[in-house]
């Protein structure tokens, strides 16, 4: 069984980015959503960030659903230069993010 991997906030080109390294999280159990909510809560409430971006492989439908559920808006599609993978970039504004997170 692979060990769970939780999301983290890292900086990329000035904007904080929600990042989850490769690994398995319990599939469909809500752990990834819960971890992402807590990371965002810390980013907005603890670090007082104004905006957080997220990147996901286009084929990662589970993560794309989580980002949509959390209120992220799609910014652009791009090709990851490191591996040639089709990816999507999203953003969540701090004022919107804080109000969405307060409902959970």
PDB file of N, CA and C in Angstrom:
ATOM      1  N   UNK A   1       0.842  -1.181   0.000  1.00  0.00           N
ATOM      2  CA  UNK A   1       0.000   0.000   0.000  1.00  0.00           C
ATOM      3  C   UNK A   1       0.887   1.244   0.000  1.00  0.00           C
ATOM      4  N   UNK A   2       0.617   2.168  -0.895  1.00  0.00           N
ATOM      5  CA  UNK A   2       1.400   3.410  -0.968  1.00  0.00           C
ATOM      6  C   UNK A   2       1.037   4.309   0.212  1.00  0.00           C
ATOM      7  N   UNK A   3       2.014   5.083   0.650  1.00  0.00           N
ATOM      8  CA  UNK A   3       1.735   5.983   1.766  1.00  0.00           C
ATOM      9  C   UNK A   3       0.969   7.205   1.263  1.00  0.00           C
ATOM     10  N   UNK A   4       0.068   7.768   2.070  1.00  0.00           N
ATOM     11  CA  UNK A   4      -0.687   8.945   1.661  1.00  0.00           C
ATOM     12  C   UNK A   4       0.244  10.130   1.447  1.00  0.00           C
ATOM     13  N   UNK A   5      -0.110  10.959   0.493  1.00  0.00           N
ATOM     14  CA  UNK A   5       0.660  12.158   0.217  1.00  0.00           C
ATOM     15  C   UNK A   5      -0.291  13.339   0.289  1.00  0.00           C
ATOM     16  N   UNK A   6      -0.022  14.276   1.163  1.00  0.00           N
ATOM     17  CA  UNK A   6      -0.902  15.426   1.343  1.00  0.00           C
ATOM     18  C   UNK A   6      -0.441  16.595   0.481  1.00  0.00           C
ATOM     19  N   UNK A   7      -1.376  17.455   0.095  1.00  0.00           N
ATOM     20  CA  UNK A   7      -1.002  18.645  -0.657  1.00  0.00           C
ATOM     21  C   UNK A   7      -0.154  19.587   0.187  1.00  0.00           C
ATOM     22  N   UNK A   8       0.564  20.445  -0.463  1.00  0.00           N
ATOM     23  CA  UNK A   8       1.366  21.464   0.204  1.00  0.00           C
ATOM     24  C   UNK A   8       1.297  22.744  -0.614  1.00  0.00           C
ATOM     25  N   UNK A   9       1.679  23.847  -0.029  1.00  0.00           N
ATOM     26  CA  UNK A   9       1.726  25.112  -0.755  1.00  0.00           C
ATOM     27  C   UNK A   9       3.178  25.405  -1.071  1.00  0.00           C
ATOM     28  N   UNK A  10       3.462  25.706  -2.321  1.00  0.00           N
ATOM     29  CA  UNK A  10       4.808  26.098  -2.714  1.00  0.00           C
ATOM     30  C   UNK A  10       4.691  27.300  -3.633  1.00  0.00           C
ATOM     31  N   UNK A  11       5.764  28.033  -3.788  1.00  0.00           N
ATOM     32  CA  UNK A  11       5.749  29.213  -4.660  1.00  0.00           C
ATOM     33  C   UNK A  11       6.289  28.855  -6.027  1.00  0.00           C
ATOM     34  N   UNK A  12       5.632  29.377  -7.051  1.00  0.00           N
ATOM     35  CA  UNK A  12       6.083  29.190  -8.427  1.00  0.00           C
ATOM     36  C   UNK A  12       5.757  30.464  -9.179  1.00  0.00           C
ATOM     37  N   UNK A  13       6.754  31.126  -9.681  1.00  0.00           N
ATOM     38  CA  UNK A  13       6.593  32.369 -10.425  1.00  0.00           C
ATOM     39  C   UNK A  13       5.758  33.381  -9.650  1.00  0.00           C
ATOM     40  N   UNK A  14       5.990  33.502  -8.353  1.00  0.00           N
ATOM     41  CA  UNK A  14       5.335  34.522  -7.548  1.00  0.00           C
ATOM     42  C   UNK A  14       4.056  34.096  -6.872  1.00  0.00           C
ATOM     43  N   UNK A  15       3.213  33.277  -7.527  1.00  0.00           N
ATOM     44  CA  UNK A  15       1.962  32.844  -6.918  1.00  0.00           C
ATOM     45  C   UNK A  15       2.180  31.545  -6.157  1.00  0.00           C
ATOM     46  N   UNK A  16       1.567  31.414  -4.976  1.00  0.00           N
ATOM     47  CA  UNK A  16       1.610  30.123  -4.292  1.00  0.00           C
ATOM     48  C   UNK A  16       0.839  29.097  -5.118  1.00  0.00           C
ATOM     49  N   UNK A  17       1.340  27.874  -5.164  1.00  0.00           N
ATOM     50  CA  UNK A  17       0.724  26.812  -5.941  1.00  0.00           C
ATOM     51  C   UNK A  17       0.419  25.641  -5.019  1.00  0.00           C
ATOM     52  N   UNK A  18      -0.804  25.117  -5.100  1.00  0.00           N
ATOM     53  CA  UNK A  18      -1.128  23.893  -4.374  1.00  0.00           C
ATOM     54  C   UNK A  18      -0.491  22.758  -5.153  1.00  0.00           C
ATOM     55  N   UNK A  19       0.304  21.977  -4.456  1.00  0.00           N
ATOM     56  CA  UNK A  19       1.084  20.931  -5.118  1.00  0.00           C
ATOM     57  C   UNK A  19       0.909  19.630  -4.358  1.00  0.00           C
ATOM     58  N   UNK A  20       0.722  18.558  -5.098  1.00  0.00           N
ATOM     59  CA  UNK A  20       0.652  17.240  -4.473  1.00  0.00           C
ATOM     60  C   UNK A  20       1.622  16.362  -5.222  1.00  0.00           C
ATOM     61  N   UNK A  21       2.595  15.878  -4.498  1.00  0.00           N
ATOM     62  CA  UNK A  21       3.572  15.005  -5.152  1.00  0.00           C
ATOM     63  C   UNK A  21       2.920  13.667  -5.463  1.00  0.00           C
ATOM     64  N   UNK A  22       3.569  12.896  -6.320  1.00  0.00           N
ATOM     65  CA  UNK A  22       2.975  11.636  -6.740  1.00  0.00           C
ATOM     66  C   UNK A  22       2.856  10.679  -5.571  1.00  0.00           C
ATOM     67  N   UNK A  23       1.844   9.901  -5.606  1.00  0.00           N
ATOM     68  CA  UNK A  23       1.567   8.941  -4.554  1.00  0.00           C
ATOM     69  C   UNK A  23       0.078   8.686  -4.512  1.00  0.00           C
ATOM     70  N   UNK A  24      -0.325   7.701  -3.764  1.00  0.00           N
ATOM     71  CA  UNK A  24      -1.746   7.377  -3.691  1.00  0.00           C
ATOM     72  C   UNK A  24      -2.328   7.889  -2.397  1.00  0.00           C
ATOM     73  N   UNK A  25      -3.472   8.472  -2.503  1.00  0.00           N
ATOM     74  CA  UNK A  25      -4.269   8.838  -1.343  1.00  0.00           C
ATOM     75  C   UNK A  25      -5.494   7.943  -1.439  1.00  0.00           C
ATOM     76  N   UNK A  26      -6.105   7.622  -0.312  1.00  0.00           N
ATOM     77  CA  UNK A  26      -7.274   6.755  -0.337  1.00  0.00           C
ATOM     78  C   UNK A  26      -8.257   7.185  -1.409  1.00  0.00           C
ATOM     79  N   UNK A  27      -8.530   6.342  -2.324  1.00  0.00           N
ATOM     80  CA  UNK A  27      -9.357   6.696  -3.483  1.00  0.00           C
ATOM     81  C   UNK A  27     -10.812   6.836  -3.106  1.00  0.00           C
ATOM     82  N   UNK A  28     -11.352   8.045  -3.337  1.00  0.00           N
ATOM     83  CA  UNK A  28     -12.764   8.289  -3.122  1.00  0.00           C
ATOM     84  C   UNK A  28     -13.172   8.455  -1.677  1.00  0.00           C
ATOM     85  N   UNK A  29     -12.228   8.470  -0.765  1.00  0.00           N
ATOM     86  CA  UNK A  29     -12.578   8.580   0.643  1.00  0.00           C
ATOM     87  C   UNK A  29     -12.642  10.009   1.159  1.00  0.00           C
ATOM     88  N   UNK A  30     -12.314  10.979   0.313  1.00  0.00           N
ATOM     89  CA  UNK A  30     -12.391  12.376   0.722  1.00  0.00           C
ATOM     90  C   UNK A  30     -11.138  12.910   1.383  1.00  0.00           C
ATOM     91  N   UNK A  31     -10.103  12.077   1.563  1.00  0.00           N
ATOM     92  CA  UNK A  31      -8.898  12.540   2.232  1.00  0.00           C
ATOM     93  C   UNK A  31      -8.201  13.645   1.442  1.00  0.00           C
ATOM     94  N   UNK A  32      -8.147  13.526   0.123  1.00  0.00           N
ATOM     95  CA  UNK A  32      -7.480  14.543  -0.690  1.00  0.00           C
ATOM     96  C   UNK A  32      -8.235  15.867  -0.623  1.00  0.00           C
ATOM     97  N   UNK A  33      -9.559  15.823  -0.671  1.00  0.00           N
ATOM     98  CA  UNK A  33     -10.364  17.048  -0.564  1.00  0.00           C
ATOM     99  C   UNK A  33     -10.161  17.706   0.789  1.00  0.00           C
ATOM    100  N   UNK A  34     -10.194  16.901   1.823  1.00  0.00           N
ATOM    101  CA  UNK A  34     -10.024  17.428   3.180  1.00  0.00           C
ATOM    102  C   UNK A  34      -8.638  18.038   3.358  1.00  0.00           C
ATOM    103  N   UNK A  35      -7.614  17.365   2.872  1.00  0.00           N
ATOM    104  CA  UNK A  35      -6.255  17.892   2.991  1.00  0.00           C
ATOM    105  C   UNK A  35      -6.105  19.190   2.200  1.00  0.00           C
ATOM    106  N   UNK A  36      -6.663  19.235   0.999  1.00  0.00           N
ATOM    107  CA  UNK A  36      -6.579  20.451   0.177  1.00  0.00           C
ATOM    108  C   UNK A  36      -7.299  21.612   0.852  1.00  0.00           C
ATOM    109  N   UNK A  37      -8.462  21.358   1.452  1.00  0.00           N
ATOM    110  CA  UNK A  37      -9.184  22.414   2.182  1.00  0.00           C
ATOM    111  C   UNK A  37      -8.342  22.972   3.315  1.00  0.00           C
ATOM    112  N   UNK A  38      -7.680  22.087   4.056  1.00  0.00           N
ATOM    113  CA  UNK A  38      -6.872  22.556   5.186  1.00  0.00           C
ATOM    114  C   UNK A  38      -5.652  23.350   4.718  1.00  0.00           C
ATOM    115  N   UNK A  39      -5.037  22.912   3.623  1.00  0.00           N
ATOM    116  CA  UNK A  39      -3.904  23.662   3.075  1.00  0.00           C
ATOM    117  C   UNK A  39      -4.371  25.039   2.632  1.00  0.00           C
ATOM    118  N   UNK A  40      -5.523  25.109   1.959  1.00  0.00           N
ATOM    119  CA  UNK A  40      -6.051  26.401   1.519  1.00  0.00           C
ATOM    120  C   UNK A  40      -6.447  27.278   2.700  1.00  0.00           C
ATOM    121  N   UNK A  41      -7.038  26.669   3.714  1.00  0.00           N
ATOM    122  CA  UNK A  41      -7.401  27.438   4.910  1.00  0.00           C
ATOM    123  C   UNK A  41      -6.144  28.068   5.517  1.00  0.00           C
ATOM    124  N   UNK A  42      -5.074  27.300   5.592  1.00  0.00           N
ATOM    125  CA  UNK A  42      -3.811  27.823   6.116  1.00  0.00           C
ATOM    126  C   UNK A  42      -3.245  28.908   5.194  1.00  0.00           C
ATOM    127  N   UNK A  43      -3.318  28.673   3.881  1.00  0.00           N
ATOM    128  CA  UNK A  43      -2.789  29.660   2.925  1.00  0.00           C
ATOM    129  C   UNK A  43      -3.508  30.994   3.052  1.00  0.00           C
ATOM    130  N   UNK A  44      -4.828  30.971   3.162  1.00  0.00           N
ATOM    131  CA  UNK A  44      -5.596  32.212   3.215  1.00  0.00           C
ATOM    132  C   UNK A  44      -5.672  32.812   4.613  1.00  0.00           C
ATOM    133  N   UNK A  45      -5.932  31.993   5.617  1.00  0.00           N
ATOM    134  CA  UNK A  45      -6.092  32.509   6.976  1.00  0.00           C
ATOM    135  C   UNK A  45      -4.760  32.657   7.711  1.00  0.00           C
ATOM    136  N   UNK A  46      -3.907  31.656   7.591  1.00  0.00           N
ATOM    137  CA  UNK A  46      -2.635  31.684   8.311  1.00  0.00           C
ATOM    138  C   UNK A  46      -1.571  32.538   7.646  1.00  0.00           C
ATOM    139  N   UNK A  47      -1.457  32.423   6.326  1.00  0.00           N
ATOM    140  CA  UNK A  47      -0.430  33.167   5.596  1.00  0.00           C
ATOM    141  C   UNK A  47      -0.950  34.455   4.966  1.00  0.00           C
ATOM    142  N   UNK A  48      -2.252  34.654   5.004  1.00  0.00           N
ATOM    143  CA  UNK A  48      -2.909  35.841   4.441  1.00  0.00           C
ATOM    144  C   UNK A  48      -2.575  36.036   2.963  1.00  0.00           C
ATOM    145  N   UNK A  49      -2.535  34.932   2.214  1.00  0.00           N
ATOM    146  CA  UNK A  49      -2.268  35.017   0.787  1.00  0.00           C
ATOM    147  C   UNK A  49      -3.500  35.554   0.068  1.00  0.00           C
ATOM    148  N   UNK A  50      -3.278  36.265  -1.029  1.00  0.00           N
ATOM    149  CA  UNK A  50      -4.381  36.832  -1.794  1.00  0.00           C
ATOM    150  C   UNK A  50      -4.900  35.879  -2.859  1.00  0.00           C
ATOM    151  N   UNK A  51      -4.052  34.967  -3.299  1.00  0.00           N
ATOM    152  CA  UNK A  51      -4.422  34.060  -4.384  1.00  0.00           C
ATOM    153  C   UNK A  51      -3.554  32.813  -4.326  1.00  0.00           C
ATOM    154  N   UNK A  52      -4.140  31.683  -4.671  1.00  0.00           N
ATOM    155  CA  UNK A  52      -3.410  30.423  -4.764  1.00  0.00           C
ATOM    156  C   UNK A  52      -3.730  29.819  -6.125  1.00  0.00           C
ATOM    157  N   UNK A  53      -2.716  29.301  -6.794  1.00  0.00           N
ATOM    158  CA  UNK A  53      -2.943  28.607  -8.053  1.00  0.00           C
ATOM    159  C   UNK A  53      -2.716  27.116  -7.858  1.00  0.00           C
ATOM    160  N   UNK A  54      -3.306  26.326  -8.748  1.00  0.00           N
ATOM    161  CA  UNK A  54      -3.149  24.878  -8.706  1.00  0.00           C
ATOM    162  C   UNK A  54      -2.909  24.392 -10.124  1.00  0.00           C
ATOM    163  N   UNK A  55      -2.127  23.345 -10.246  1.00  0.00           N
ATOM    164  CA  UNK A  55      -1.861  22.729 -11.534  1.00  0.00           C
ATOM    165  C   UNK A  55      -2.180  21.249 -11.435  1.00  0.00           C
ATOM    166  N   UNK A  56      -2.769  20.725 -12.517  1.00  0.00           N
ATOM    167  CA  UNK A  56      -3.127  19.307 -12.540  1.00  0.00           C
ATOM    168  C   UNK A  56      -2.964  18.775 -13.954  1.00  0.00           C
ATOM    169  N   UNK A  57      -2.568  17.528 -14.051  1.00  0.00           N
ATOM    170  CA  UNK A  57      -2.527  16.865 -15.348  1.00  0.00           C
ATOM    171  C   UNK A  57      -3.960  16.771 -15.876  1.00  0.00           C
ATOM    172  N   UNK A  58      -4.131  17.031 -17.157  1.00  0.00           N
ATOM    173  CA  UNK A  58      -5.475  17.002 -17.769  1.00  0.00           C
ATOM    174  C   UNK A  58      -6.158  15.651 -17.580  1.00  0.00           C
ATOM    175  N   UNK A  59      -5.385  14.577 -17.497  1.00  0.00           N
ATOM    176  CA  UNK A  59      -5.953  13.231 -17.351  1.00  0.00           C
ATOM    177  C   UNK A  59      -6.358  12.905 -15.913  1.00  0.00           C
ATOM    178  N   UNK A  60      -6.009  13.780 -14.957  1.00  0.00           N
ATOM    179  CA  UNK A  60      -6.293  13.523 -13.543  1.00  0.00           C
ATOM    180  C   UNK A  60      -7.688  14.036 -13.177  1.00  0.00           C
ATOM    181  N   UNK A  61      -8.700  13.296 -13.611  1.00  0.00           N
ATOM    182  CA  UNK A  61     -10.084  13.742 -13.423  1.00  0.00           C
ATOM    183  C   UNK A  61     -10.478  13.886 -11.953  1.00  0.00           C
ATOM    184  N   UNK A  62      -9.919  13.071 -11.084  1.00  0.00           N
ATOM    185  CA  UNK A  62     -10.246  13.176  -9.660  1.00  0.00           C
ATOM    186  C   UNK A  62      -9.777  14.519  -9.089  1.00  0.00           C
ATOM    187  N   UNK A  63      -8.548  14.900  -9.413  1.00  0.00           N
ATOM    188  CA  UNK A  63      -8.038  16.177  -8.917  1.00  0.00           C
ATOM    189  C   UNK A  63      -8.776  17.348  -9.554  1.00  0.00           C
ATOM    190  N   UNK A  64      -9.130  17.232 -10.819  1.00  0.00           N
ATOM    191  CA  UNK A  64      -9.892  18.299 -11.477  1.00  0.00           C
ATOM    192  C   UNK A  64     -11.244  18.494 -10.784  1.00  0.00           C
ATOM    193  N   UNK A  65     -11.886  17.408 -10.354  1.00  0.00           N
ATOM    194  CA  UNK A  65     -13.159  17.512  -9.616  1.00  0.00           C
ATOM    195  C   UNK A  65     -12.957  18.185  -8.266  1.00  0.00           C
ATOM    196  N   UNK A  66     -11.868  17.853  -7.575  1.00  0.00           N
ATOM    197  CA  UNK A  66     -11.584  18.462  -6.276  1.00  0.00           C
ATOM    198  C   UNK A  66     -11.382  19.968  -6.441  1.00  0.00           C
ATOM    199  N   UNK A  67     -10.602  20.363  -7.437  1.00  0.00           N
ATOM    200  CA  UNK A  67     -10.357  21.792  -7.662  1.00  0.00           C
ATOM    201  C   UNK A  67     -11.652  22.530  -7.968  1.00  0.00           C
ATOM    202  N   UNK A  68     -12.515  21.931  -8.768  1.00  0.00           N
ATOM    203  CA  UNK A  68     -13.809  22.547  -9.073  1.00  0.00           C
ATOM    204  C   UNK A  68     -14.652  22.675  -7.807  1.00  0.00           C
ATOM    205  N   UNK A  69     -14.662  21.617  -6.998  1.00  0.00           N
ATOM    206  CA  UNK A  69     -15.444  21.632  -5.764  1.00  0.00           C
ATOM    207  C   UNK A  69     -14.952  22.711  -4.799  1.00  0.00           C
ATOM    208  N   UNK A  70     -13.652  22.963  -4.810  1.00  0.00           N
ATOM    209  CA  UNK A  70     -13.075  23.975  -3.928  1.00  0.00           C
ATOM    210  C   UNK A  70     -13.226  25.393  -4.470  1.00  0.00           C
ATOM    211  N   UNK A  71     -13.725  25.528  -5.686  1.00  0.00           N
ATOM    212  CA  UNK A  71     -13.987  26.859  -6.233  1.00  0.00           C
ATOM    213  C   UNK A  71     -12.905  27.433  -7.122  1.00  0.00           C
ATOM    214  N   UNK A  72     -11.917  26.627  -7.495  1.00  0.00           N
ATOM    215  CA  UNK A  72     -10.853  27.110  -8.366  1.00  0.00           C
ATOM    216  C   UNK A  72     -11.417  27.423  -9.752  1.00  0.00           C
ATOM    217  N   UNK A  73     -10.932  28.501 -10.369  1.00  0.00           N
ATOM    218  CA  UNK A  73     -11.311  28.873 -11.731  1.00  0.00           C
ATOM    219  C   UNK A  73     -10.198  28.473 -12.688  1.00  0.00           C
ATOM    220  N   UNK A  74     -10.574  27.935 -13.848  1.00  0.00           N
ATOM    221  CA  UNK A  74      -9.595  27.519 -14.850  1.00  0.00           C
ATOM    222  C   UNK A  74      -8.953  28.754 -15.475  1.00  0.00           C
ATOM    223  N   UNK A  75      -7.621  28.758 -15.551  1.00  0.00           N
ATOM    224  CA  UNK A  75      -6.883  29.871 -16.149  1.00  0.00           C
ATOM    225  C   UNK A  75      -6.419  29.507 -17.549  1.00  0.00           C
ATOM    226  N   UNK A  76      -5.751  28.357 -17.670  1.00  0.00           N
ATOM    227  CA  UNK A  76      -5.192  27.986 -18.966  1.00  0.00           C
ATOM    228  C   UNK A  76      -4.826  26.513 -19.007  1.00  0.00           C
ATOM    229  N   UNK A  77      -4.688  26.032 -20.230  1.00  0.00           N
ATOM    230  CA  UNK A  77      -4.125  24.704 -20.488  1.00  0.00           C
ATOM    231  C   UNK A  77      -2.696  24.923 -20.961  1.00  0.00           C
ATOM    232  N   UNK A  78      -1.804  23.986 -20.608  1.00  0.00           N
ATOM    233  CA  UNK A  78      -0.412  24.120 -21.018  1.00  0.00           C
ATOM    234  C   UNK A  78       0.240  22.752 -21.078  1.00  0.00           C
ATOM    235  N   UNK A  79       1.396  22.700 -21.702  1.00  0.00           N
ATOM    236  CA  UNK A  79       2.191  21.474 -21.764  1.00  0.00           C
ATOM    237  C   UNK A  79       3.330  21.610 -20.765  1.00  0.00           C
ATOM    238  N   UNK A  80       3.427  20.665 -19.844  1.00  0.00           N
ATOM    239  CA  UNK A  80       4.516  20.668 -18.863  1.00  0.00           C
ATOM    240  C   UNK A  80       5.820  20.371 -19.595  1.00  0.00           C
ATOM    241  N   UNK A  81       6.747  21.306 -19.553  1.00  0.00           N
ATOM    242  CA  UNK A  81       8.009  21.150 -20.270  1.00  0.00           C
ATOM    243  C   UNK A  81       8.866  20.008 -19.728  1.00  0.00           C
ATOM    244  N   UNK A  82       8.666  19.666 -18.466  1.00  0.00           N
ATOM    245  CA  UNK A  82       9.487  18.607 -17.862  1.00  0.00           C
ATOM    246  C   UNK A  82       9.178  17.229 -18.438  1.00  0.00           C
ATOM    247  N   UNK A  83       7.887  16.977 -18.717  1.00  0.00           N
ATOM    248  CA  UNK A  83       7.531  15.632 -19.182  1.00  0.00           C
ATOM    249  C   UNK A  83       6.601  15.614 -20.394  1.00  0.00           C
ATOM    250  N   UNK A  84       6.251  16.769 -20.938  1.00  0.00           N
ATOM    251  CA  UNK A  84       5.393  16.839 -22.109  1.00  0.00           C
ATOM    252  C   UNK A  84       3.928  16.550 -21.845  1.00  0.00           C
ATOM    253  N   UNK A  85       3.541  16.500 -20.577  1.00  0.00           N
ATOM    254  CA  UNK A  85       2.162  16.179 -20.193  1.00  0.00           C
ATOM    255  C   UNK A  85       1.250  17.386 -20.387  1.00  0.00           C
ATOM    256  N   UNK A  86       0.039  17.140 -20.879  1.00  0.00           N
ATOM    257  CA  UNK A  86      -0.986  18.182 -20.975  1.00  0.00           C
ATOM    258  C   UNK A  86      -1.492  18.474 -19.563  1.00  0.00           C
ATOM    259  N   UNK A  87      -1.496  19.745 -19.198  1.00  0.00           N
ATOM    260  CA  UNK A  87      -1.886  20.143 -17.842  1.00  0.00           C
ATOM    261  C   UNK A  87      -2.862  21.304 -17.875  1.00  0.00           C
ATOM    262  N   UNK A  88      -3.478  21.540 -16.733  1.00  0.00           N
ATOM    263  CA  UNK A  88      -4.413  22.651 -16.554  1.00  0.00           C
ATOM    264  C   UNK A  88      -3.953  23.483 -15.370  1.00  0.00           C
ATOM    265  N   UNK A  89      -4.145  24.798 -15.471  1.00  0.00           N
ATOM    266  CA  UNK A  89      -3.794  25.706 -14.376  1.00  0.00           C
ATOM    267  C   UNK A  89      -5.072  26.392 -13.902  1.00  0.00           C
ATOM    268  N   UNK A  90      -5.210  26.492 -12.580  1.00  0.00           N
ATOM    269  CA  UNK A  90      -6.392  27.066 -11.939  1.00  0.00           C
ATOM    270  C   UNK A  90      -5.964  28.106 -10.914  1.00  0.00           C
ATOM    271  N   UNK A  91      -6.888  28.981 -10.517  1.00  0.00           N
ATOM    272  CA  UNK A  91      -6.605  29.968  -9.483  1.00  0.00           C
ATOM    273  C   UNK A  91      -7.811  30.098  -8.560  1.00  0.00           C
ATOM    274  N   UNK A  92      -7.513  30.433  -7.316  1.00  0.00           N
ATOM    275  CA  UNK A  92      -8.551  30.690  -6.325  1.00  0.00           C
ATOM    276  C   UNK A  92      -8.192  31.982  -5.615  1.00  0.00           C
ATOM    277  N   UNK A  93      -9.070  32.963  -5.706  1.00  0.00           N
ATOM    278  CA  UNK A  93      -8.880  34.254  -5.052  1.00  0.00           C
ATOM    279  C   UNK A  93      -9.140  34.099  -3.553  1.00  0.00           C
ATOM    280  N   UNK A  94      -8.357  34.798  -2.746  1.00  0.00           N
ATOM    281  CA  UNK A  94      -8.457  34.670  -1.294  1.00  0.00           C
ATOM    282  C   UNK A  94      -9.821  35.013  -0.729  1.00  0.00           C
ATOM    283  N   UNK A  95     -10.482  36.050  -1.249  1.00  0.00           N
ATOM    284  CA  UNK A  95     -11.798  36.415  -0.719  1.00  0.00           C
ATOM    285  C   UNK A  95     -12.827  35.357  -1.047  1.00  0.00           C
ATOM    286  N   UNK A  96     -12.761  34.821  -2.248  1.00  0.00           N
ATOM    287  CA  UNK A  96     -13.686  33.745  -2.637  1.00  0.00           C
ATOM    288  C   UNK A  96     -13.345  32.474  -1.879  1.00  0.00           C
ATOM    289  N   UNK A  97     -12.050  32.162  -1.799  1.00  0.00           N
ATOM    290  CA  UNK A  97     -11.606  30.950  -1.124  1.00  0.00           C
ATOM    291  C   UNK A  97     -11.996  30.917   0.338  1.00  0.00           C
ATOM    292  N   UNK A  98     -11.816  32.021   1.037  1.00  0.00           N
ATOM    293  CA  UNK A  98     -12.158  32.074   2.460  1.00  0.00           C
ATOM    294  C   UNK A  98     -13.640  31.853   2.676  1.00  0.00           C
ATOM    295  N   UNK A  99     -14.481  32.461   1.826  1.00  0.00           N
ATOM    296  CA  UNK A  99     -15.924  32.296   2.002  1.00  0.00           C
ATOM    297  C   UNK A  99     -16.356  30.870   1.673  1.00  0.00           C
ATOM    298  N   UNK A 100     -15.755  30.264   0.643  1.00  0.00           N
ATOM    299  CA  UNK A 100     -16.083  28.876   0.311  1.00  0.00           C
ATOM    300  C   UNK A 100     -15.644  27.925   1.422  1.00  0.00           C
ATOM    301  N   UNK A 101     -14.452  28.131   1.954  1.00  0.00           N
ATOM    302  CA  UNK A 101     -13.928  27.239   2.979  1.00  0.00           C
ATOM    303  C   UNK A 101     -14.715  27.340   4.283  1.00  0.00           C
ATOM    304  N   UNK A 102     -15.321  28.487   4.544  1.00  0.00           N
ATOM    305  CA  UNK A 102     -16.060  28.652   5.795  1.00  0.00           C
ATOM    306  C   UNK A 102     -17.316  27.774   5.806  1.00  0.00           C
ATOM    307  N   UNK A 103     -17.750  27.306   4.633  1.00  0.00           N
ATOM    308  CA  UNK A 103     -18.940  26.437   4.561  1.00  0.00           C
ATOM    309  C   UNK A 103     -18.631  25.002   4.920  1.00  0.00           C
ATOM    310  N   UNK A 104     -17.347  24.632   4.970  1.00  0.00           N
ATOM    311  CA  UNK A 104     -16.970  23.237   5.229  1.00  0.00           C
ATOM    312  C   UNK A 104     -16.666  23.046   6.690  1.00  0.00           C
TER     313      UNK A 104
END
